[in-house]
Amino acid sequence: MAASSVLVENSLAVSYKVGVNSTGKDVFKGQNFKNISVSATDEDLLNLSDAIDDLLDYSVTTIKKEQSYVITRE
């Protein structure tokens, strides 16, 4: 039996460094942005991350694309 998958959701997770703690380790925070169009390309997500970076007081350090699929039997 064959299976197929359909992309149903895109989201973007960005992390940014907010400083260091008392022991000198980097401290990071992050935000997730959901309900991004399934037709968004990697370049679209990078442009979105750049726009988010412009709004933050900190620089974005990591960008993650997260996707959800529905798998069905054919």
Protein backbone atom coordinates (compact mmCIF):
# COMPACT_ATOMS: atom_id res chain seq x y z
CA MET A 1 0.00 0.00 0.00
CA ALA A 2 1.45 3.37 -1.04
CA ALA A 3 1.41 6.48 1.06
CA SER A 4 1.56 10.15 0.18
CA SER A 5 1.90 13.33 2.16
CA VAL A 6 0.47 16.83 1.80
CA LEU A 7 2.03 19.91 3.38
CA VAL A 8 -0.62 21.54 5.58
CA GLU A 9 1.31 24.03 7.71
CA ASN A 10 4.49 26.11 7.66
CA SER A 11 5.94 27.90 10.65
CA LEU A 12 9.08 29.84 11.34
CA ALA A 13 11.12 29.69 14.55
CA VAL A 14 13.73 32.35 15.22
CA SER A 15 16.23 32.46 18.06
CA TYR A 16 18.23 35.44 19.20
CA LYS A 17 20.93 36.07 21.80
CA VAL A 18 19.78 38.41 24.58
CA GLY A 19 22.97 38.44 26.63
CA VAL A 20 25.01 36.29 28.99
CA ASN A 21 24.20 34.88 32.40
CA SER A 22 26.23 35.22 35.60
CA THR A 23 28.47 32.30 34.61
CA GLY A 24 29.24 33.78 31.20
CA LYS A 25 27.02 31.47 29.14
CA ASP A 26 25.02 32.90 26.27
CA VAL A 27 21.30 33.38 26.90
CA PHE A 28 18.94 32.89 23.97
CA LYS A 29 15.24 33.54 23.49
CA GLY A 30 13.03 32.56 20.63
CA GLN A 31 9.70 33.07 18.97
CA ASN A 32 7.54 30.94 16.71
CA PHE A 33 5.44 32.32 13.90
CA LYS A 34 2.68 29.99 12.72
CA ASN A 35 0.11 30.04 9.92
CA ILE A 36 2.63 30.90 7.24
CA SER A 37 1.43 30.04 3.76
CA VAL A 38 2.35 26.54 2.58
CA SER A 39 3.50 28.14 -0.68
CA ALA A 40 6.16 30.24 1.09
CA THR A 41 9.65 29.51 -0.22
CA ASP A 42 12.84 29.34 1.82
CA GLU A 43 13.72 32.78 0.44
CA ASP A 44 10.33 34.12 1.63
CA LEU A 45 11.06 32.77 5.11
CA LEU A 46 14.53 34.31 5.08
CA ASN A 47 13.03 37.68 4.09
CA LEU A 48 10.49 37.33 6.90
CA SER A 49 13.30 36.57 9.34
CA ASP A 50 15.17 39.67 8.16
CA ALA A 51 12.06 41.78 8.75
CA ILE A 52 11.68 40.31 12.25
CA ASP A 53 15.37 41.01 12.91
CA ASP A 54 14.79 44.67 12.03
CA LEU A 55 12.06 44.88 14.69
CA LEU A 56 14.03 43.24 17.51
CA ASP A 57 16.55 44.83 19.82
CA TYR A 58 18.71 41.71 19.27
CA SER A 59 20.08 39.97 16.18
CA VAL A 60 18.50 36.74 14.97
CA THR A 61 21.00 33.89 15.39
CA THR A 62 19.02 30.86 14.20
CA ILE A 63 16.19 30.40 11.71
CA LYS A 64 14.21 27.15 11.58
CA LYS A 65 11.53 26.15 9.12
CA GLU A 66 9.00 23.79 10.66
CA GLN A 67 6.47 21.98 8.53
CA SER A 68 3.51 19.70 9.22
CA TYR A 69 2.22 17.12 6.79
CA VAL A 70 -0.83 14.90 6.60
CA ILE A 71 0.00 11.39 5.46
CA THR A 72 -2.63 9.33 3.70
CA ARG A 73 -2.88 5.90 2.12
CA GLU A 74 -3.38 5.76 -1.61
